């Protein structure tokens, strides 16, 4: 299992909106996407940087969903496969092409998934 799959599965149980690795078509009113933007390995310890985007119909709804996502991902360390979850940054990231509101939270995770 990859870190993206693990985080998507975890967020699907923690959130009340769809979660995937791709933007769904058609787009539901609110949803979350997960994308790995980097990774590393030191002494057999895996790390990953994930961009988690919270999409909604208004900026306020996207910001609120982003806060829920941040809380969930900070709590992912309750799983044995994750030893560290750190919020790097989060910010408004409205999609100019689709004119959909979204926020992006960037997390650094240390994990034991090997993928």
PDB file of N, CA and C in Angstrom:
ATOM      1  N   UNK A   1       0.855  -1.177   0.000  1.00  0.00           N
ATOM      2  CA  UNK A   1       0.000   0.000   0.000  1.00  0.00           C
ATOM      3  C   UNK A   1       0.900   1.239   0.000  1.00  0.00           C
ATOM      4  N   UNK A   2       0.547   2.224  -0.810  1.00  0.00           N
ATOM      5  CA  UNK A   2       1.310   3.472  -0.844  1.00  0.00           C
ATOM      6  C   UNK A   2       0.825   4.413   0.251  1.00  0.00           C
ATOM      7  N   UNK A   3       1.628   5.419   0.547  1.00  0.00           N
ATOM      8  CA  UNK A   3       1.222   6.403   1.548  1.00  0.00           C
ATOM      9  C   UNK A   3      -0.027   7.149   1.092  1.00  0.00           C
ATOM     10  N   UNK A   4      -0.144   7.410  -0.210  1.00  0.00           N
ATOM     11  CA  UNK A   4      -1.342   8.086  -0.710  1.00  0.00           C
ATOM     12  C   UNK A   4      -2.584   7.249  -0.457  1.00  0.00           C
ATOM     13  N   UNK A   5      -2.518   5.952  -0.762  1.00  0.00           N
ATOM     14  CA  UNK A   5      -3.658   5.063  -0.527  1.00  0.00           C
ATOM     15  C   UNK A   5      -4.016   5.004   0.949  1.00  0.00           C
ATOM     16  N   UNK A   6      -2.992   4.923   1.795  1.00  0.00           N
ATOM     17  CA  UNK A   6      -3.227   4.858   3.235  1.00  0.00           C
ATOM     18  C   UNK A   6      -3.936   6.119   3.724  1.00  0.00           C
ATOM     19  N   UNK A   7      -3.455   7.284   3.297  1.00  0.00           N
ATOM     20  CA  UNK A   7      -4.041   8.555   3.746  1.00  0.00           C
ATOM     21  C   UNK A   7      -5.451   8.724   3.179  1.00  0.00           C
ATOM     22  N   UNK A   8      -5.667   8.357   1.933  1.00  0.00           N
ATOM     23  CA  UNK A   8      -7.011   8.446   1.350  1.00  0.00           C
ATOM     24  C   UNK A   8      -7.976   7.556   2.133  1.00  0.00           C
ATOM     25  N   UNK A   9      -7.586   6.314   2.387  1.00  0.00           N
ATOM     26  CA  UNK A   9      -8.448   5.406   3.161  1.00  0.00           C
ATOM     27  C   UNK A   9      -8.731   5.976   4.543  1.00  0.00           C
ATOM     28  N   UNK A  10      -7.706   6.495   5.192  1.00  0.00           N
ATOM     29  CA  UNK A  10      -7.874   7.069   6.528  1.00  0.00           C
ATOM     30  C   UNK A  10      -8.826   8.266   6.499  1.00  0.00           C
ATOM     31  N   UNK A  11      -8.605   9.190   5.555  1.00  0.00           N
ATOM     32  CA  UNK A  11      -9.458  10.386   5.492  1.00  0.00           C
ATOM     33  C   UNK A  11     -10.895  10.042   5.117  1.00  0.00           C
ATOM     34  N   UNK A  12     -11.097   9.002   4.307  1.00  0.00           N
ATOM     35  CA  UNK A  12     -12.465   8.589   3.966  1.00  0.00           C
ATOM     36  C   UNK A  12     -13.250   8.196   5.214  1.00  0.00           C
ATOM     37  N   UNK A  13     -12.580   7.624   6.203  1.00  0.00           N
ATOM     38  CA  UNK A  13     -13.272   7.249   7.434  1.00  0.00           C
ATOM     39  C   UNK A  13     -13.394   8.428   8.394  1.00  0.00           C
ATOM     40  N   UNK A  14     -12.488   9.409   8.285  1.00  0.00           N
ATOM     41  CA  UNK A  14     -12.471  10.538   9.221  1.00  0.00           C
ATOM     42  C   UNK A  14     -13.338  11.712   8.769  1.00  0.00           C
ATOM     43  N   UNK A  15     -13.636  11.784   7.478  1.00  0.00           N
ATOM     44  CA  UNK A  15     -14.366  12.926   6.928  1.00  0.00           C
ATOM     45  C   UNK A  15     -15.730  12.506   6.402  1.00  0.00           C
ATOM     46  N   UNK A  16     -16.587  13.487   6.203  1.00  0.00           N
ATOM     47  CA  UNK A  16     -17.930  13.208   5.666  1.00  0.00           C
ATOM     48  C   UNK A  16     -18.059  13.618   4.200  1.00  0.00           C
ATOM     49  N   UNK A  17     -16.918  13.737   3.500  1.00  0.00           N
ATOM     50  CA  UNK A  17     -16.917  14.089   2.074  1.00  0.00           C
ATOM     51  C   UNK A  17     -16.076  13.059   1.321  1.00  0.00           C
ATOM     52  N   UNK A  18     -16.266  12.952   0.003  1.00  0.00           N
ATOM     53  CA  UNK A  18     -15.439  12.027  -0.775  1.00  0.00           C
ATOM     54  C   UNK A  18     -13.963  12.444  -0.749  1.00  0.00           C
ATOM     55  N   UNK A  19     -13.074  11.439  -0.774  1.00  0.00           N
ATOM     56  CA  UNK A  19     -11.628  11.667  -0.785  1.00  0.00           C
ATOM     57  C   UNK A  19     -11.040  10.807  -1.891  1.00  0.00           C
ATOM     58  N   UNK A  20     -10.147  11.392  -2.710  1.00  0.00           N
ATOM     59  CA  UNK A  20      -9.524  10.622  -3.785  1.00  0.00           C
ATOM     60  C   UNK A  20      -8.182  11.233  -4.165  1.00  0.00           C
ATOM     61  N   UNK A  21      -7.498  10.549  -5.052  1.00  0.00           N
ATOM     62  CA  UNK A  21      -6.232  11.050  -5.560  1.00  0.00           C
ATOM     63  C   UNK A  21      -6.407  11.959  -6.760  1.00  0.00           C
ATOM     64  N   UNK A  22      -7.592  11.973  -7.329  1.00  0.00           N
ATOM     65  CA  UNK A  22      -7.880  12.790  -8.512  1.00  0.00           C
ATOM     66  C   UNK A  22      -9.131  13.622  -8.273  1.00  0.00           C
ATOM     67  N   UNK A  23      -9.261  14.697  -9.040  1.00  0.00           N
ATOM     68  CA  UNK A  23     -10.480  15.500  -8.981  1.00  0.00           C
ATOM     69  C   UNK A  23     -11.587  14.699  -9.661  1.00  0.00           C
ATOM     70  N   UNK A  24     -12.668  14.403  -8.935  1.00  0.00           N
ATOM     71  CA  UNK A  24     -13.744  13.608  -9.525  1.00  0.00           C
ATOM     72  C   UNK A  24     -14.530  14.406 -10.574  1.00  0.00           C
ATOM     73  N   UNK A  25     -15.060  13.681 -11.556  1.00  0.00           N
ATOM     74  CA  UNK A  25     -15.900  14.300 -12.591  1.00  0.00           C
ATOM     75  C   UNK A  25     -17.209  13.530 -12.646  1.00  0.00           C
ATOM     76  N   UNK A  26     -18.340  14.165 -12.464  1.00  0.00           N
ATOM     77  CA  UNK A  26     -18.478  15.583 -12.117  1.00  0.00           C
ATOM     78  C   UNK A  26     -18.042  15.834 -10.671  1.00  0.00           C
ATOM     79  N   UNK A  27     -17.690  17.082 -10.401  1.00  0.00           N
ATOM     80  CA  UNK A  27     -17.237  17.444  -9.065  1.00  0.00           C
ATOM     81  C   UNK A  27     -18.404  17.544  -8.097  1.00  0.00           C
ATOM     82  N   UNK A  28     -18.320  16.838  -6.951  1.00  0.00           N
ATOM     83  CA  UNK A  28     -19.346  17.019  -5.921  1.00  0.00           C
ATOM     84  C   UNK A  28     -19.190  18.399  -5.276  1.00  0.00           C
ATOM     85  N   UNK A  29     -20.164  18.848  -4.508  1.00  0.00           N
ATOM     86  CA  UNK A  29     -20.075  20.171  -3.889  1.00  0.00           C
ATOM     87  C   UNK A  29     -18.836  20.340  -3.008  1.00  0.00           C
ATOM     88  N   UNK A  30     -18.482  19.304  -2.245  1.00  0.00           N
ATOM     89  CA  UNK A  30     -17.284  19.333  -1.400  1.00  0.00           C
ATOM     90  C   UNK A  30     -16.572  18.000  -1.508  1.00  0.00           C
ATOM     91  N   UNK A  31     -15.246  18.047  -1.525  1.00  0.00           N
ATOM     92  CA  UNK A  31     -14.448  16.826  -1.584  1.00  0.00           C
ATOM     93  C   UNK A  31     -13.005  17.175  -1.240  1.00  0.00           C
ATOM     94  N   UNK A  32     -12.182  16.138  -1.091  1.00  0.00           N
ATOM     95  CA  UNK A  32     -10.776  16.299  -0.743  1.00  0.00           C
ATOM     96  C   UNK A  32      -9.937  15.488  -1.716  1.00  0.00           C
ATOM     97  N   UNK A  33      -8.809  16.053  -2.146  1.00  0.00           N
ATOM     98  CA  UNK A  33      -7.851  15.317  -2.960  1.00  0.00           C
ATOM     99  C   UNK A  33      -6.519  15.241  -2.225  1.00  0.00           C
ATOM    100  N   UNK A  34      -5.794  14.139  -2.467  1.00  0.00           N
ATOM    101  CA  UNK A  34      -4.509  13.888  -1.821  1.00  0.00           C
ATOM    102  C   UNK A  34      -3.480  13.638  -2.914  1.00  0.00           C
ATOM    103  N   UNK A  35      -2.337  14.329  -2.821  1.00  0.00           N
ATOM    104  CA  UNK A  35      -1.275  14.170  -3.814  1.00  0.00           C
ATOM    105  C   UNK A  35       0.076  14.167  -3.118  1.00  0.00           C
ATOM    106  N   UNK A  36       0.893  13.173  -3.425  1.00  0.00           N
ATOM    107  CA  UNK A  36       2.253  13.158  -2.892  1.00  0.00           C
ATOM    108  C   UNK A  36       3.098  14.090  -3.750  1.00  0.00           C
ATOM    109  N   UNK A  37       3.794  15.025  -3.112  1.00  0.00           N
ATOM    110  CA  UNK A  37       4.621  15.977  -3.843  1.00  0.00           C
ATOM    111  C   UNK A  37       6.109  15.714  -3.657  1.00  0.00           C
ATOM    112  N   UNK A  38       6.441  14.802  -2.760  1.00  0.00           N
ATOM    113  CA  UNK A  38       7.842  14.462  -2.539  1.00  0.00           C
ATOM    114  C   UNK A  38       7.956  13.323  -1.554  1.00  0.00           C
ATOM    115  N   UNK A  39       9.141  12.707  -1.531  1.00  0.00           N
ATOM    116  CA  UNK A  39       9.372  11.613  -0.585  1.00  0.00           C
ATOM    117  C   UNK A  39      10.860  11.461  -0.364  1.00  0.00           C
ATOM    118  N   UNK A  40      11.196  10.688   0.651  1.00  0.00           N
ATOM    119  CA  UNK A  40      12.597  10.434   0.942  1.00  0.00           C
ATOM    120  C   UNK A  40      12.737   9.178   1.763  1.00  0.00           C
ATOM    121  N   UNK A  41      13.984   8.749   1.915  1.00  0.00           N
ATOM    122  CA  UNK A  41      14.273   7.563   2.716  1.00  0.00           C
ATOM    123  C   UNK A  41      15.653   7.753   3.330  1.00  0.00           C
ATOM    124  N   UNK A  42      15.723   7.630   4.650  1.00  0.00           N
ATOM    125  CA  UNK A  42      16.984   7.710   5.369  1.00  0.00           C
ATOM    126  C   UNK A  42      17.050   6.538   6.334  1.00  0.00           C
ATOM    127  N   UNK A  43      18.083   5.719   6.197  1.00  0.00           N
ATOM    128  CA  UNK A  43      18.245   4.564   7.083  1.00  0.00           C
ATOM    129  C   UNK A  43      16.963   3.737   7.179  1.00  0.00           C
ATOM    130  N   UNK A  44      16.354   3.475   6.040  1.00  0.00           N
ATOM    131  CA  UNK A  44      15.136   2.660   5.928  1.00  0.00           C
ATOM    132  C   UNK A  44      13.892   3.303   6.545  1.00  0.00           C
ATOM    133  N   UNK A  45      13.978   4.594   6.857  1.00  0.00           N
ATOM    134  CA  UNK A  45      12.816   5.327   7.373  1.00  0.00           C
ATOM    135  C   UNK A  45      12.247   6.148   6.221  1.00  0.00           C
ATOM    136  N   UNK A  46      10.971   5.907   5.911  1.00  0.00           N
ATOM    137  CA  UNK A  46      10.297   6.562   4.787  1.00  0.00           C
ATOM    138  C   UNK A  46       9.671   7.879   5.230  1.00  0.00           C
ATOM    139  N   UNK A  47       9.737   8.879   4.352  1.00  0.00           N
ATOM    140  CA  UNK A  47       9.032  10.140   4.597  1.00  0.00           C
ATOM    141  C   UNK A  47       8.313  10.550   3.323  1.00  0.00           C
ATOM    142  N   UNK A  48       7.265  11.343   3.488  1.00  0.00           N
ATOM    143  CA  UNK A  48       6.496  11.811   2.332  1.00  0.00           C
ATOM    144  C   UNK A  48       5.941  13.191   2.631  1.00  0.00           C
ATOM    145  N   UNK A  49       5.892  13.998   1.588  1.00  0.00           N
ATOM    146  CA  UNK A  49       5.217  15.289   1.659  1.00  0.00           C
ATOM    147  C   UNK A  49       3.945  15.165   0.845  1.00  0.00           C
ATOM    148  N   UNK A  50       2.821  15.506   1.474  1.00  0.00           N
ATOM    149  CA  UNK A  50       1.519  15.390   0.826  1.00  0.00           C
ATOM    150  C   UNK A  50       0.846  16.748   0.758  1.00  0.00           C
ATOM    151  N   UNK A  51       0.253  17.045  -0.395  1.00  0.00           N
ATOM    152  CA  UNK A  51      -0.606  18.219  -0.557  1.00  0.00           C
ATOM    153  C   UNK A  51      -2.047  17.715  -0.500  1.00  0.00           C
ATOM    154  N   UNK A  52      -2.785  18.201   0.479  1.00  0.00           N
ATOM    155  CA  UNK A  52      -4.164  17.769   0.671  1.00  0.00           C
ATOM    156  C   UNK A  52      -5.059  18.974   0.412  1.00  0.00           C
ATOM    157  N   UNK A  53      -5.888  18.858  -0.619  1.00  0.00           N
ATOM    158  CA  UNK A  53      -6.717  19.980  -1.047  1.00  0.00           C
ATOM    159  C   UNK A  53      -8.165  19.770  -0.640  1.00  0.00           C
ATOM    160  N   UNK A  54      -8.718  20.796  -0.008  1.00  0.00           N
ATOM    161  CA  UNK A  54     -10.116  20.788   0.448  1.00  0.00           C
ATOM    162  C   UNK A  54     -10.916  21.676  -0.492  1.00  0.00           C
ATOM    163  N   UNK A  55     -11.831  21.090  -1.228  1.00  0.00           N
ATOM    164  CA  UNK A  55     -12.630  21.780  -2.243  1.00  0.00           C
ATOM    165  C   UNK A  55     -14.047  22.005  -1.730  1.00  0.00           C
ATOM    166  N   UNK A  56     -14.629  23.174  -2.033  1.00  0.00           N
ATOM    167  CA  UNK A  56     -16.005  23.450  -1.620  1.00  0.00           C
ATOM    168  C   UNK A  56     -16.591  24.557  -2.497  1.00  0.00           C
ATOM    169  N   UNK A  57     -17.869  24.851  -2.261  1.00  0.00           N
ATOM    170  CA  UNK A  57     -18.593  25.828  -3.081  1.00  0.00           C
ATOM    171  C   UNK A  57     -18.359  27.276  -2.636  1.00  0.00           C
ATOM    172  N   UNK A  58     -17.805  27.469  -1.442  1.00  0.00           N
ATOM    173  CA  UNK A  58     -17.489  28.827  -0.980  1.00  0.00           C
ATOM    174  C   UNK A  58     -16.131  28.792  -0.288  1.00  0.00           C
ATOM    175  N   UNK A  59     -15.515  29.960  -0.194  1.00  0.00           N
ATOM    176  CA  UNK A  59     -14.223  30.048   0.477  1.00  0.00           C
ATOM    177  C   UNK A  59     -14.366  29.633   1.945  1.00  0.00           C
ATOM    178  N   UNK A  60     -15.449  30.054   2.588  1.00  0.00           N
ATOM    179  CA  UNK A  60     -15.659  29.718   4.002  1.00  0.00           C
ATOM    180  C   UNK A  60     -15.811  28.206   4.193  1.00  0.00           C
ATOM    181  N   UNK A  61     -16.544  27.550   3.301  1.00  0.00           N
ATOM    182  CA  UNK A  61     -16.710  26.096   3.395  1.00  0.00           C
ATOM    183  C   UNK A  61     -15.388  25.370   3.149  1.00  0.00           C
ATOM    184  N   UNK A  62     -14.601  25.862   2.190  1.00  0.00           N
ATOM    185  CA  UNK A  62     -13.294  25.253   1.915  1.00  0.00           C
ATOM    186  C   UNK A  62     -12.364  25.430   3.108  1.00  0.00           C
ATOM    187  N   UNK A  63     -12.398  26.594   3.731  1.00  0.00           N
ATOM    188  CA  UNK A  63     -11.559  26.849   4.912  1.00  0.00           C
ATOM    189  C   UNK A  63     -11.975  25.947   6.071  1.00  0.00           C
ATOM    190  N   UNK A  64     -13.275  25.782   6.278  1.00  0.00           N
ATOM    191  CA  UNK A  64     -13.767  24.920   7.357  1.00  0.00           C
ATOM    192  C   UNK A  64     -13.384  23.460   7.104  1.00  0.00           C
ATOM    193  N   UNK A  65     -13.525  23.004   5.861  1.00  0.00           N
ATOM    194  CA  UNK A  65     -13.131  21.631   5.524  1.00  0.00           C
ATOM    195  C   UNK A  65     -11.627  21.459   5.728  1.00  0.00           C
ATOM    196  N   UNK A  66     -10.849  22.459   5.369  1.00  0.00           N
ATOM    197  CA  UNK A  66      -9.405  22.424   5.572  1.00  0.00           C
ATOM    198  C   UNK A  66      -9.059  22.243   7.053  1.00  0.00           C
ATOM    199  N   UNK A  67      -9.774  22.927   7.926  1.00  0.00           N
ATOM    200  CA  UNK A  67      -9.520  22.782   9.366  1.00  0.00           C
ATOM    201  C   UNK A  67      -9.821  21.359   9.833  1.00  0.00           C
ATOM    202  N   UNK A  68     -10.885  20.769   9.305  1.00  0.00           N
ATOM    203  CA  UNK A  68     -11.237  19.389   9.644  1.00  0.00           C
ATOM    204  C   UNK A  68     -10.158  18.427   9.142  1.00  0.00           C
ATOM    205  N   UNK A  69      -9.668  18.660   7.928  1.00  0.00           N
ATOM    206  CA  UNK A  69      -8.600  17.838   7.354  1.00  0.00           C
ATOM    207  C   UNK A  69      -7.340  17.940   8.207  1.00  0.00           C
ATOM    208  N   UNK A  70      -6.977  19.146   8.611  1.00  0.00           N
ATOM    209  CA  UNK A  70      -5.771  19.320   9.421  1.00  0.00           C
ATOM    210  C   UNK A  70      -5.876  18.559  10.740  1.00  0.00           C
ATOM    211  N   UNK A  71      -7.002  18.663  11.389  1.00  0.00           N
ATOM    212  CA  UNK A  71      -7.198  17.933  12.647  1.00  0.00           C
ATOM    213  C   UNK A  71      -7.070  16.428  12.420  1.00  0.00           C
ATOM    214  N   UNK A  72      -7.709  15.932  11.362  1.00  0.00           N
ATOM    215  CA  UNK A  72      -7.653  14.494  11.070  1.00  0.00           C
ATOM    216  C   UNK A  72      -6.225  14.045  10.797  1.00  0.00           C
ATOM    217  N   UNK A  73      -5.488  14.809   9.995  1.00  0.00           N
ATOM    218  CA  UNK A  73      -4.134  14.377   9.644  1.00  0.00           C
ATOM    219  C   UNK A  73      -3.156  14.515  10.803  1.00  0.00           C
ATOM    220  N   UNK A  74      -3.391  15.427  11.700  1.00  0.00           N
ATOM    221  CA  UNK A  74      -2.546  15.500  12.886  1.00  0.00           C
ATOM    222  C   UNK A  74      -2.812  14.318  13.812  1.00  0.00           C
ATOM    223  N   UNK A  75      -4.013  13.738  13.717  1.00  0.00           N
ATOM    224  CA  UNK A  75      -4.379  12.574  14.536  1.00  0.00           C
ATOM    225  C   UNK A  75      -4.054  11.237  13.877  1.00  0.00           C
ATOM    226  N   UNK A  76      -3.538  11.257  12.648  1.00  0.00           N
ATOM    227  CA  UNK A  76      -3.231  10.007  11.939  1.00  0.00           C
ATOM    228  C   UNK A  76      -2.133   9.218  12.645  1.00  0.00           C
ATOM    229  N   UNK A  77      -1.399   9.861  13.523  1.00  0.00           N
ATOM    230  CA  UNK A  77      -0.314   9.172  14.227  1.00  0.00           C
ATOM    231  C   UNK A  77      -0.812   8.112  15.202  1.00  0.00           C
ATOM    232  N   UNK A  78      -2.116   8.028  15.387  1.00  0.00           N
ATOM    233  CA  UNK A  78      -2.660   6.950  16.216  1.00  0.00           C
ATOM    234  C   UNK A  78      -2.515   5.596  15.522  1.00  0.00           C
ATOM    235  N   UNK A  79      -2.202   5.612  14.231  1.00  0.00           N
ATOM    236  CA  UNK A  79      -1.968   4.372  13.481  1.00  0.00           C
ATOM    237  C   UNK A  79      -0.487   4.004  13.574  1.00  0.00           C
ATOM    238  N   UNK A  80      -0.208   2.740  13.787  1.00  0.00           N
ATOM    239  CA  UNK A  80       1.175   2.276  13.933  1.00  0.00           C
ATOM    240  C   UNK A  80       2.026   2.538  12.700  1.00  0.00           C
ATOM    241  N   UNK A  81       1.404   2.652  11.537  1.00  0.00           N
ATOM    242  CA  UNK A  81       2.150   2.849  10.298  1.00  0.00           C
ATOM    243  C   UNK A  81       2.715   4.270  10.168  1.00  0.00           C
ATOM    244  N   UNK A  82       2.233   5.203  10.977  1.00  0.00           N
ATOM    245  CA  UNK A  82       2.649   6.610  10.895  1.00  0.00           C
ATOM    246  C   UNK A  82       3.322   6.997  12.210  1.00  0.00           C
ATOM    247  N   UNK A  83       4.555   7.493  12.117  1.00  0.00           N
ATOM    248  CA  UNK A  83       5.240   7.887  13.348  1.00  0.00           C
ATOM    249  C   UNK A  83       5.325   9.399  13.532  1.00  0.00           C
ATOM    250  N   UNK A  84       5.078  10.155  12.468  1.00  0.00           N
ATOM    251  CA  UNK A  84       5.088  11.608  12.606  1.00  0.00           C
ATOM    252  C   UNK A  84       4.162  12.213  11.561  1.00  0.00           C
ATOM    253  N   UNK A  85       3.418  13.225  11.978  1.00  0.00           N
ATOM    254  CA  UNK A  85       2.581  14.010  11.079  1.00  0.00           C
ATOM    255  C   UNK A  85       2.769  15.471  11.451  1.00  0.00           C
ATOM    256  N   UNK A  86       3.278  16.231  10.523  1.00  0.00           N
ATOM    257  CA  UNK A  86       3.594  17.633  10.790  1.00  0.00           C
ATOM    258  C   UNK A  86       3.003  18.519   9.691  1.00  0.00           C
ATOM    259  N   UNK A  87       2.240  19.523  10.100  1.00  0.00           N
ATOM    260  CA  UNK A  87       1.698  20.490   9.144  1.00  0.00           C
ATOM    261  C   UNK A  87       2.801  21.448   8.747  1.00  0.00           C
ATOM    262  N   UNK A  88       3.126  21.470   7.458  1.00  0.00           N
ATOM    263  CA  UNK A  88       4.150  22.379   6.945  1.00  0.00           C
ATOM    264  C   UNK A  88       3.551  23.763   6.716  1.00  0.00           C
ATOM    265  N   UNK A  89       2.400  23.809   6.031  1.00  0.00           N
ATOM    266  CA  UNK A  89       1.702  25.077   5.795  1.00  0.00           C
ATOM    267  C   UNK A  89       0.315  24.785   5.242  1.00  0.00           C
ATOM    268  N   UNK A  90      -0.550  25.789   5.304  1.00  0.00           N
ATOM    269  CA  UNK A  90      -1.847  25.692   4.632  1.00  0.00           C
ATOM    270  C   UNK A  90      -2.243  27.091   4.176  1.00  0.00           C
ATOM    271  N   UNK A  91      -3.020  27.125   3.094  1.00  0.00           N
ATOM    272  CA  UNK A  91      -3.314  28.412   2.468  1.00  0.00           C
ATOM    273  C   UNK A  91      -4.465  28.279   1.469  1.00  0.00           C
ATOM    274  N   UNK A  92      -5.052  29.425   1.155  1.00  0.00           N
ATOM    275  CA  UNK A  92      -6.078  29.492   0.122  1.00  0.00           C
ATOM    276  C   UNK A  92      -5.427  29.131  -1.208  1.00  0.00           C
ATOM    277  N   UNK A  93      -6.068  28.261  -1.966  1.00  0.00           N
ATOM    278  CA  UNK A  93      -5.502  27.782  -3.224  1.00  0.00           C
ATOM    279  C   UNK A  93      -6.622  27.626  -4.252  1.00  0.00           C
ATOM    280  N   UNK A  94      -7.453  28.666  -4.369  1.00  0.00           N
ATOM    281  CA  UNK A  94      -8.604  28.622  -5.265  1.00  0.00           C
ATOM    282  C   UNK A  94      -8.162  28.270  -6.680  1.00  0.00           C
ATOM    283  N   UNK A  95      -8.893  27.364  -7.305  1.00  0.00           N
ATOM    284  CA  UNK A  95      -8.584  26.901  -8.654  1.00  0.00           C
ATOM    285  C   UNK A  95      -9.117  27.907  -9.667  1.00  0.00           C
ATOM    286  N   UNK A  96      -8.222  28.605 -10.317  1.00  0.00           N
ATOM    287  CA  UNK A  96      -8.621  29.642 -11.278  1.00  0.00           C
ATOM    288  C   UNK A  96      -9.269  29.053 -12.533  1.00  0.00           C
ATOM    289  N   UNK A  97      -8.900  27.819 -12.903  1.00  0.00           N
ATOM    290  CA  UNK A  97      -9.478  27.204 -14.102  1.00  0.00           C
ATOM    291  C   UNK A  97     -10.939  26.824 -13.897  1.00  0.00           C
ATOM    292  N   UNK A  98     -11.234  26.197 -12.770  1.00  0.00           N
ATOM    293  CA  UNK A  98     -12.596  25.733 -12.527  1.00  0.00           C
ATOM    294  C   UNK A  98     -13.418  26.740 -11.726  1.00  0.00           C
ATOM    295  N   UNK A  99     -12.749  27.752 -11.177  1.00  0.00           N
ATOM    296  CA  UNK A  99     -13.403  28.763 -10.321  1.00  0.00           C
ATOM    297  C   UNK A  99     -14.008  28.119  -9.074  1.00  0.00           C
ATOM    298  N   UNK A 100     -13.378  27.038  -8.607  1.00  0.00           N
ATOM    299  CA  UNK A 100     -13.817  26.358  -7.391  1.00  0.00           C
ATOM    300  C   UNK A 100     -12.897  26.760  -6.245  1.00  0.00           C
ATOM    301  N   UNK A 101     -13.509  26.965  -5.084  1.00  0.00           N
ATOM    302  CA  UNK A 101     -12.743  27.341  -3.904  1.00  0.00           C
ATOM    303  C   UNK A 101     -12.061  26.105  -3.333  1.00  0.00           C
ATOM    304  N   UNK A 102     -10.814  26.280  -2.909  1.00  0.00           N
ATOM    305  CA  UNK A 102     -10.088  25.190  -2.266  1.00  0.00           C
ATOM    306  C   UNK A 102      -8.996  25.769  -1.371  1.00  0.00           C
ATOM    307  N   UNK A 103      -8.662  25.005  -0.378  1.00  0.00           N
ATOM    308  CA  UNK A 103      -7.519  25.282   0.480  1.00  0.00           C
ATOM    309  C   UNK A 103      -6.568  24.115   0.341  1.00  0.00           C
ATOM    310  N   UNK A 104      -5.287  24.381   0.519  1.00  0.00           N
ATOM    311  CA  UNK A 104      -4.299  23.310   0.460  1.00  0.00           C
ATOM    312  C   UNK A 104      -3.518  23.274   1.769  1.00  0.00           C
ATOM    313  N   UNK A 105      -3.416  22.094   2.342  1.00  0.00           N
ATOM    314  CA  UNK A 105      -2.594  21.856   3.522  1.00  0.00           C
ATOM    315  C   UNK A 105      -1.464  20.920   3.111  1.00  0.00           C
ATOM    316  N   UNK A 106      -0.245  21.298   3.455  1.00  0.00           N
ATOM    317  CA  UNK A 106       0.928  20.501   3.107  1.00  0.00           C
ATOM    318  C   UNK A 106       1.440  19.838   4.381  1.00  0.00           C
ATOM    319  N   UNK A 107       1.502  18.507   4.341  1.00  0.00           N
ATOM    320  CA  UNK A 107       1.916  17.723   5.499  1.00  0.00           C
ATOM    321  C   UNK A 107       3.172  16.928   5.190  1.00  0.00           C
ATOM    322  N   UNK A 108       4.029  16.815   6.196  1.00  0.00           N
ATOM    323  CA  UNK A 108       5.188  15.926   6.139  1.00  0.00           C
ATOM    324  C   UNK A 108       4.898  14.762   7.063  1.00  0.00           C
ATOM    325  N   UNK A 109       4.961  13.541   6.514  1.00  0.00           N
ATOM    326  CA  UNK A 109       4.686  12.329   7.275  1.00  0.00           C
ATOM    327  C   UNK A 109       5.923  11.423   7.280  1.00  0.00           C
ATOM    328  N   UNK A 110       6.153  10.772   8.398  1.00  0.00           N
ATOM    329  CA  UNK A 110       7.120   9.682   8.479  1.00  0.00           C
ATOM    330  C   UNK A 110       6.303   8.420   8.654  1.00  0.00           C
ATOM    331  N   UNK A 111       6.587   7.410   7.818  1.00  0.00           N
ATOM    332  CA  UNK A 111       5.718   6.218   7.808  1.00  0.00           C
ATOM    333  C   UNK A 111       6.520   4.946   7.619  1.00  0.00           C
ATOM    334  N   UNK A 112       5.838   3.842   7.828  1.00  0.00           N
ATOM    335  CA  UNK A 112       6.430   2.513   7.718  1.00  0.00           C
ATOM    336  C   UNK A 112       5.632   1.659   6.729  1.00  0.00           C
ATOM    337  N   UNK A 113       5.334   2.227   5.559  1.00  0.00           N
ATOM    338  CA  UNK A 113       4.538   1.516   4.559  1.00  0.00           C
ATOM    339  C   UNK A 113       5.391   0.932   3.450  1.00  0.00           C
ATOM    340  N   UNK A 114       6.557   1.507   3.213  1.00  0.00           N
ATOM    341  CA  UNK A 114       7.469   0.978   2.211  1.00  0.00           C
ATOM    342  C   UNK A 114       7.039   1.198   0.782  1.00  0.00           C
ATOM    343  N   UNK A 115       6.103   2.125   0.544  1.00  0.00           N
ATOM    344  CA  UNK A 115       5.687   2.347  -0.840  1.00  0.00           C
ATOM    345  C   UNK A 115       5.570   3.766  -1.212  1.00  0.00           C
TER     346      UNK A 115
END
